[in-house]
N, C-alpha and C. Protein backbone atom coordinates (compact mmCIF):
# COMPACT_ATOMS: atom_id res chain seq x y z
N MET A 1 0.86 -1.17 0.00
CA MET A 1 0.00 0.00 0.00
C MET A 1 0.91 1.24 0.00
N ASP A 2 0.66 2.13 -0.94
CA ASP A 2 1.48 3.34 -1.00
C ASP A 2 0.99 4.37 0.04
N ALA A 3 1.76 5.41 0.22
CA ALA A 3 1.46 6.42 1.25
C ALA A 3 0.13 7.11 1.00
N ARG A 4 -0.18 7.37 -0.26
CA ARG A 4 -1.44 8.06 -0.58
C ARG A 4 -2.64 7.19 -0.22
N SER A 5 -2.60 5.93 -0.56
CA SER A 5 -3.69 5.01 -0.23
C SER A 5 -3.84 4.86 1.28
N TYR A 6 -2.73 4.78 1.98
CA TYR A 6 -2.75 4.67 3.43
C TYR A 6 -3.40 5.92 4.05
N PHE A 7 -3.04 7.10 3.55
CA PHE A 7 -3.61 8.35 4.05
C PHE A 7 -5.12 8.38 3.85
N ILE A 8 -5.58 7.98 2.67
CA ILE A 8 -7.02 7.96 2.38
C ILE A 8 -7.74 6.98 3.30
N LEU A 9 -7.15 5.82 3.54
CA LEU A 9 -7.74 4.83 4.43
C LEU A 9 -7.85 5.37 5.85
N VAL A 10 -6.79 5.98 6.35
CA VAL A 10 -6.80 6.55 7.70
C VAL A 10 -7.84 7.66 7.80
N LEU A 11 -7.92 8.50 6.79
CA LEU A 11 -8.90 9.58 6.78
C LEU A 11 -10.32 9.04 6.79
N ALA A 12 -10.59 8.01 6.01
CA ALA A 12 -11.92 7.41 5.95
C ALA A 12 -12.31 6.77 7.28
N ILE A 13 -11.38 6.07 7.89
CA ILE A 13 -11.66 5.42 9.18
C ILE A 13 -11.85 6.48 10.26
N GLY A 14 -11.02 7.49 10.25
CA GLY A 14 -11.10 8.54 11.27
C GLY A 14 -12.38 9.35 11.20
N SER A 15 -12.89 9.56 10.00
CA SER A 15 -14.10 10.37 9.88
C SER A 15 -15.37 9.56 10.05
N SER A 16 -15.28 8.25 10.10
CA SER A 16 -16.49 7.43 10.20
C SER A 16 -17.15 7.53 11.57
N GLY A 17 -16.44 7.97 12.56
CA GLY A 17 -17.01 8.09 13.90
C GLY A 17 -17.63 9.43 14.19
N CYS A 18 -17.71 10.32 13.22
CA CYS A 18 -18.26 11.66 13.45
C CYS A 18 -19.75 11.54 13.74
N SER A 19 -20.22 12.41 14.60
CA SER A 19 -21.61 12.34 15.02
C SER A 19 -22.58 12.93 14.00
N GLY A 20 -22.10 13.81 13.16
CA GLY A 20 -22.99 14.43 12.20
C GLY A 20 -23.68 15.66 12.74
N TYR A 21 -23.44 16.04 13.97
CA TYR A 21 -24.05 17.23 14.56
C TYR A 21 -23.19 18.43 14.20
N TYR A 22 -23.76 19.40 13.51
CA TYR A 22 -22.99 20.55 13.06
C TYR A 22 -23.43 21.85 13.71
N GLY A 23 -24.45 21.86 14.52
CA GLY A 23 -24.93 23.09 15.15
C GLY A 23 -24.13 23.44 16.39
N GLN A 24 -24.51 24.55 16.99
CA GLN A 24 -23.85 24.97 18.23
C GLN A 24 -24.26 24.02 19.35
N ARG A 25 -23.35 23.82 20.27
CA ARG A 25 -23.64 22.95 21.40
C ARG A 25 -23.79 23.79 22.66
N GLY A 26 -24.46 23.23 23.62
CA GLY A 26 -24.56 23.89 24.91
C GLY A 26 -25.68 24.89 24.98
N ILE A 27 -25.49 25.86 25.84
CA ILE A 27 -26.56 26.79 26.17
C ILE A 27 -26.97 27.69 25.00
N THR A 28 -26.10 27.88 24.03
CA THR A 28 -26.45 28.71 22.87
C THR A 28 -27.09 27.91 21.75
N SER A 29 -27.24 26.63 21.93
CA SER A 29 -27.80 25.76 20.91
C SER A 29 -29.28 26.04 20.70
N ASP A 30 -29.74 25.81 19.47
CA ASP A 30 -31.18 25.87 19.18
C ASP A 30 -31.85 24.53 19.46
N ASP A 31 -31.05 23.52 19.76
CA ASP A 31 -31.52 22.16 20.01
C ASP A 31 -31.77 21.99 21.51
N ALA A 32 -33.01 21.71 21.86
CA ALA A 32 -33.37 21.56 23.27
C ALA A 32 -32.57 20.47 23.97
N SER A 33 -32.20 19.42 23.24
CA SER A 33 -31.43 18.33 23.86
C SER A 33 -30.02 18.79 24.23
N GLN A 34 -29.57 19.87 23.67
CA GLN A 34 -28.28 20.47 24.03
C GLN A 34 -28.46 21.58 25.06
N LYS A 35 -29.46 22.41 24.83
CA LYS A 35 -29.67 23.61 25.64
C LYS A 35 -30.11 23.29 27.08
N ILE A 36 -31.04 22.37 27.24
CA ILE A 36 -31.59 22.08 28.57
C ILE A 36 -30.52 21.55 29.52
N PRO A 37 -29.74 20.52 29.15
CA PRO A 37 -28.70 20.06 30.08
C PRO A 37 -27.68 21.16 30.40
N ALA A 38 -27.40 22.03 29.43
CA ALA A 38 -26.45 23.11 29.67
C ALA A 38 -27.01 24.12 30.67
N MET A 39 -28.31 24.40 30.59
CA MET A 39 -28.93 25.31 31.57
C MET A 39 -28.93 24.68 32.96
N LYS A 40 -29.25 23.39 33.03
CA LYS A 40 -29.25 22.71 34.33
C LYS A 40 -27.85 22.72 34.95
N LYS A 41 -26.84 22.47 34.14
CA LYS A 41 -25.47 22.47 34.63
C LYS A 41 -25.07 23.87 35.09
N ALA A 42 -25.41 24.88 34.31
CA ALA A 42 -25.08 26.26 34.69
C ALA A 42 -25.73 26.64 36.01
N ALA A 43 -26.97 26.22 36.21
CA ALA A 43 -27.66 26.52 37.47
C ALA A 43 -27.00 25.80 38.64
N ALA A 44 -26.65 24.54 38.43
CA ALA A 44 -26.00 23.77 39.48
C ALA A 44 -24.66 24.37 39.88
N GLN A 45 -23.98 24.97 38.91
CA GLN A 45 -22.67 25.57 39.18
C GLN A 45 -22.76 27.07 39.46
N ASN A 46 -24.00 27.58 39.52
CA ASN A 46 -24.25 29.01 39.73
C ASN A 46 -23.43 29.86 38.75
N ASP A 47 -23.46 29.45 37.48
CA ASP A 47 -22.74 30.13 36.42
C ASP A 47 -23.57 31.32 35.93
N ARG A 48 -23.33 32.47 36.52
CA ARG A 48 -24.11 33.65 36.19
C ARG A 48 -23.83 34.18 34.79
N GLY A 49 -22.74 33.77 34.21
CA GLY A 49 -22.45 34.15 32.84
C GLY A 49 -23.43 33.54 31.84
N ALA A 50 -24.13 32.50 32.26
CA ALA A 50 -25.12 31.84 31.39
C ALA A 50 -26.49 32.51 31.45
N MET A 51 -26.66 33.43 32.38
CA MET A 51 -27.98 34.04 32.57
C MET A 51 -28.52 34.77 31.34
N PRO A 52 -27.71 35.50 30.58
CA PRO A 52 -28.29 36.14 29.40
C PRO A 52 -28.94 35.14 28.43
N GLU A 53 -28.31 34.00 28.24
CA GLU A 53 -28.89 32.98 27.36
C GLU A 53 -30.15 32.38 27.98
N MET A 54 -30.17 32.21 29.30
CA MET A 54 -31.35 31.68 29.96
C MET A 54 -32.52 32.65 29.81
N ILE A 55 -32.23 33.94 29.93
CA ILE A 55 -33.29 34.94 29.80
C ILE A 55 -33.81 34.95 28.36
N LYS A 56 -32.93 34.81 27.38
CA LYS A 56 -33.39 34.68 25.99
C LYS A 56 -34.28 33.46 25.83
N ALA A 57 -33.92 32.38 26.51
CA ALA A 57 -34.67 31.13 26.40
C ALA A 57 -36.08 31.24 26.97
N LEU A 58 -36.34 32.24 27.81
CA LEU A 58 -37.69 32.44 28.34
C LEU A 58 -38.68 32.74 27.22
N ASP A 59 -38.20 33.16 26.07
CA ASP A 59 -39.05 33.48 24.93
C ASP A 59 -39.02 32.40 23.86
N SER A 60 -38.52 31.23 24.21
CA SER A 60 -38.42 30.12 23.25
C SER A 60 -39.80 29.63 22.82
N ASP A 61 -39.85 29.07 21.62
CA ASP A 61 -41.08 28.43 21.15
C ASP A 61 -41.33 27.10 21.85
N ASP A 62 -40.29 26.54 22.45
CA ASP A 62 -40.36 25.23 23.09
C ASP A 62 -40.68 25.40 24.58
N PRO A 63 -41.83 24.91 25.03
CA PRO A 63 -42.19 25.07 26.44
C PRO A 63 -41.22 24.37 27.39
N ALA A 64 -40.59 23.29 26.96
CA ALA A 64 -39.62 22.61 27.82
C ALA A 64 -38.39 23.49 28.04
N VAL A 65 -37.95 24.16 27.00
CA VAL A 65 -36.81 25.08 27.13
C VAL A 65 -37.19 26.22 28.07
N ARG A 66 -38.39 26.75 27.91
CA ARG A 66 -38.83 27.84 28.80
C ARG A 66 -38.90 27.35 30.25
N PHE A 67 -39.41 26.14 30.46
CA PHE A 67 -39.52 25.58 31.80
C PHE A 67 -38.15 25.50 32.47
N TYR A 68 -37.18 24.92 31.77
CA TYR A 68 -35.85 24.77 32.37
C TYR A 68 -35.13 26.11 32.50
N ALA A 69 -35.43 27.04 31.63
CA ALA A 69 -34.82 28.37 31.74
C ALA A 69 -35.28 29.05 33.02
N ILE A 70 -36.58 29.05 33.27
CA ILE A 70 -37.08 29.73 34.47
C ILE A 70 -36.68 28.95 35.73
N GLN A 71 -36.68 27.63 35.67
CA GLN A 71 -36.24 26.85 36.82
C GLN A 71 -34.79 27.17 37.17
N SER A 72 -33.96 27.27 36.16
CA SER A 72 -32.54 27.57 36.38
C SER A 72 -32.36 28.97 36.95
N LEU A 73 -33.07 29.93 36.37
CA LEU A 73 -32.96 31.31 36.86
C LEU A 73 -33.46 31.43 38.31
N GLU A 74 -34.58 30.77 38.61
CA GLU A 74 -35.11 30.81 39.98
C GLU A 74 -34.14 30.15 40.95
N ARG A 75 -33.54 29.07 40.54
CA ARG A 75 -32.58 28.38 41.42
C ARG A 75 -31.40 29.30 41.76
N MET A 76 -30.97 30.09 40.77
CA MET A 76 -29.81 30.94 40.95
C MET A 76 -30.13 32.27 41.65
N THR A 77 -31.36 32.77 41.46
CA THR A 77 -31.68 34.10 41.98
C THR A 77 -32.78 34.13 43.03
N ARG A 78 -33.52 33.05 43.13
CA ARG A 78 -34.70 32.98 44.00
C ARG A 78 -35.77 34.00 43.58
N GLU A 79 -35.81 34.29 42.29
CA GLU A 79 -36.75 35.27 41.73
C GLU A 79 -37.41 34.70 40.49
N SER A 80 -38.66 35.12 40.23
CA SER A 80 -39.35 34.67 39.02
C SER A 80 -39.90 35.84 38.20
N PHE A 81 -40.10 36.98 38.84
CA PHE A 81 -40.71 38.16 38.21
C PHE A 81 -42.06 37.81 37.58
N GLY A 82 -42.76 36.86 38.19
CA GLY A 82 -44.09 36.49 37.75
C GLY A 82 -44.13 35.70 36.45
N TYR A 83 -43.00 35.15 36.03
CA TYR A 83 -42.92 34.41 34.78
C TYR A 83 -43.53 33.02 34.94
N HIS A 84 -44.34 32.63 33.97
CA HIS A 84 -44.90 31.27 33.90
C HIS A 84 -44.63 30.72 32.51
N TYR A 85 -43.90 29.63 32.44
CA TYR A 85 -43.48 29.07 31.16
C TYR A 85 -44.65 28.69 30.27
N PHE A 86 -45.80 28.39 30.86
CA PHE A 86 -46.96 27.92 30.11
C PHE A 86 -47.84 29.04 29.58
N ASP A 87 -47.54 30.29 29.95
CA ASP A 87 -48.32 31.42 29.45
C ASP A 87 -48.08 31.61 27.95
N GLU A 88 -49.06 32.20 27.28
CA GLU A 88 -48.90 32.56 25.87
C GLU A 88 -47.86 33.67 25.77
N THR A 89 -47.43 33.95 24.57
CA THR A 89 -46.37 34.93 24.32
C THR A 89 -46.67 36.27 24.99
N GLU A 90 -47.87 36.77 24.82
CA GLU A 90 -48.23 38.07 25.42
C GLU A 90 -48.16 38.02 26.94
N GLY A 91 -48.57 36.91 27.52
CA GLY A 91 -48.55 36.77 28.97
C GLY A 91 -47.15 36.69 29.55
N ARG A 92 -46.18 36.30 28.75
CA ARG A 92 -44.79 36.20 29.21
C ARG A 92 -44.01 37.49 29.00
N ARG A 93 -44.48 38.34 28.11
CA ARG A 93 -43.73 39.52 27.68
C ARG A 93 -43.27 40.42 28.83
N ASP A 94 -44.18 40.80 29.73
CA ASP A 94 -43.81 41.71 30.83
C ASP A 94 -42.76 41.09 31.75
N SER A 95 -42.91 39.81 32.05
CA SER A 95 -41.95 39.15 32.93
C SER A 95 -40.58 39.07 32.27
N ILE A 96 -40.55 38.80 30.98
CA ILE A 96 -39.27 38.74 30.26
C ILE A 96 -38.60 40.11 30.29
N GLN A 97 -39.39 41.17 30.10
CA GLN A 97 -38.83 42.52 30.16
C GLN A 97 -38.26 42.81 31.55
N ARG A 98 -38.94 42.33 32.59
CA ARG A 98 -38.41 42.51 33.95
C ARG A 98 -37.11 41.75 34.13
N TRP A 99 -37.02 40.55 33.56
CA TRP A 99 -35.77 39.79 33.64
C TRP A 99 -34.65 40.52 32.91
N GLN A 100 -34.95 41.08 31.74
CA GLN A 100 -33.93 41.80 30.99
C GLN A 100 -33.48 43.06 31.73
N GLN A 101 -34.44 43.75 32.35
CA GLN A 101 -34.10 44.92 33.14
C GLN A 101 -33.22 44.52 34.32
N TRP A 102 -33.58 43.45 35.00
CA TRP A 102 -32.79 42.96 36.12
C TRP A 102 -31.36 42.66 35.68
N LEU A 103 -31.24 41.98 34.53
CA LEU A 103 -29.92 41.63 34.03
C LEU A 103 -29.11 42.89 33.72
N ASN A 104 -29.73 43.88 33.11
CA ASN A 104 -29.04 45.13 32.81
C ASN A 104 -28.57 45.83 34.09
N GLU A 105 -29.34 45.73 35.14
CA GLU A 105 -28.95 46.34 36.42
C GLU A 105 -27.79 45.58 37.06
N GLN A 106 -27.71 44.28 36.81
CA GLN A 106 -26.61 43.47 37.35
C GLN A 106 -25.32 43.73 36.61
N ASN A 107 -25.43 43.97 35.31
CA ASN A 107 -24.28 44.16 34.44
C ASN A 107 -24.40 45.48 33.69
N PRO A 108 -24.23 46.60 34.38
CA PRO A 108 -24.37 47.88 33.67
C PRO A 108 -23.30 48.00 32.59
N PRO A 109 -23.63 48.69 31.48
CA PRO A 109 -22.63 48.85 30.43
C PRO A 109 -21.41 49.59 30.96
N ALA A 110 -20.25 49.22 30.45
CA ALA A 110 -19.02 49.87 30.89
C ALA A 110 -19.07 51.34 30.51
N SER A 111 -18.65 52.18 31.43
CA SER A 111 -18.66 53.60 31.16
C SER A 111 -17.41 53.98 30.37
N LYS A 112 -17.52 55.02 29.60
CA LYS A 112 -16.39 55.49 28.81
C LYS A 112 -15.44 56.24 29.73
N PRO A 113 -14.14 56.16 29.44
CA PRO A 113 -13.18 56.89 30.27
C PRO A 113 -13.39 58.40 30.12
N ALA A 114 -13.07 59.15 31.19
CA ALA A 114 -13.26 60.59 31.19
C ALA A 114 -12.39 61.24 30.11
N ASN A 115 -11.19 60.73 29.91
CA ASN A 115 -10.29 61.28 28.92
C ASN A 115 -9.98 60.18 27.90
N PRO A 116 -10.71 60.16 26.77
CA PRO A 116 -10.54 59.05 25.83
C PRO A 116 -9.16 58.97 25.20
N THR A 117 -8.36 60.00 25.30
CA THR A 117 -7.02 59.95 24.72
C THR A 117 -6.00 59.39 25.69
N SER A 118 -6.40 59.22 26.94
CA SER A 118 -5.44 58.68 27.91
C SER A 118 -5.23 57.19 27.66
N LYS A 119 -4.04 56.72 28.01
CA LYS A 119 -3.70 55.31 27.82
C LYS A 119 -4.29 54.49 28.96
N PRO A 120 -4.71 53.25 28.67
CA PRO A 120 -5.12 52.37 29.77
C PRO A 120 -3.92 52.09 30.66
N LEU A 121 -4.20 51.75 31.92
CA LEU A 121 -3.12 51.50 32.87
C LEU A 121 -2.15 50.45 32.38
N SER A 122 -2.63 49.46 31.68
CA SER A 122 -1.76 48.39 31.20
C SER A 122 -0.76 48.88 30.15
N MET A 123 -1.03 50.03 29.57
CA MET A 123 -0.16 50.57 28.52
C MET A 123 0.90 51.53 29.08
N ILE A 124 0.75 51.92 30.33
CA ILE A 124 1.67 52.87 30.93
C ILE A 124 2.97 52.16 31.30
N VAL A 125 4.06 52.71 30.86
CA VAL A 125 5.37 52.13 31.15
C VAL A 125 5.93 52.83 32.39
N TRP A 126 6.33 52.06 33.37
CA TRP A 126 6.87 52.64 34.61
C TRP A 126 8.34 52.72 34.57
């Protein structure tokens, strides 16, 4: 067997075990089978960095995703803002807005420096 044939054989064998899943995995996935376990894990680990995605998930078309999103958020914050996963879109809207407002209050946008021409501290040579 020459080197080229060997390379093709190795490539064929190596690629045969691929799962075929090409979408995003984890909490940003559109696939509930990926998103739900990621939300549960984030809640168990109190991963507050996952909260923006959980709040987005409150508006999902999938009621199971909405259920686990609110369960995870409640576990982490002890708050619901009156959200019910089983409500129709209009019934969820106000609660989702309250969640988004809460998130914005937790993570205010970074303020601009007073003197935009000044160097950041990391750039100052001592």
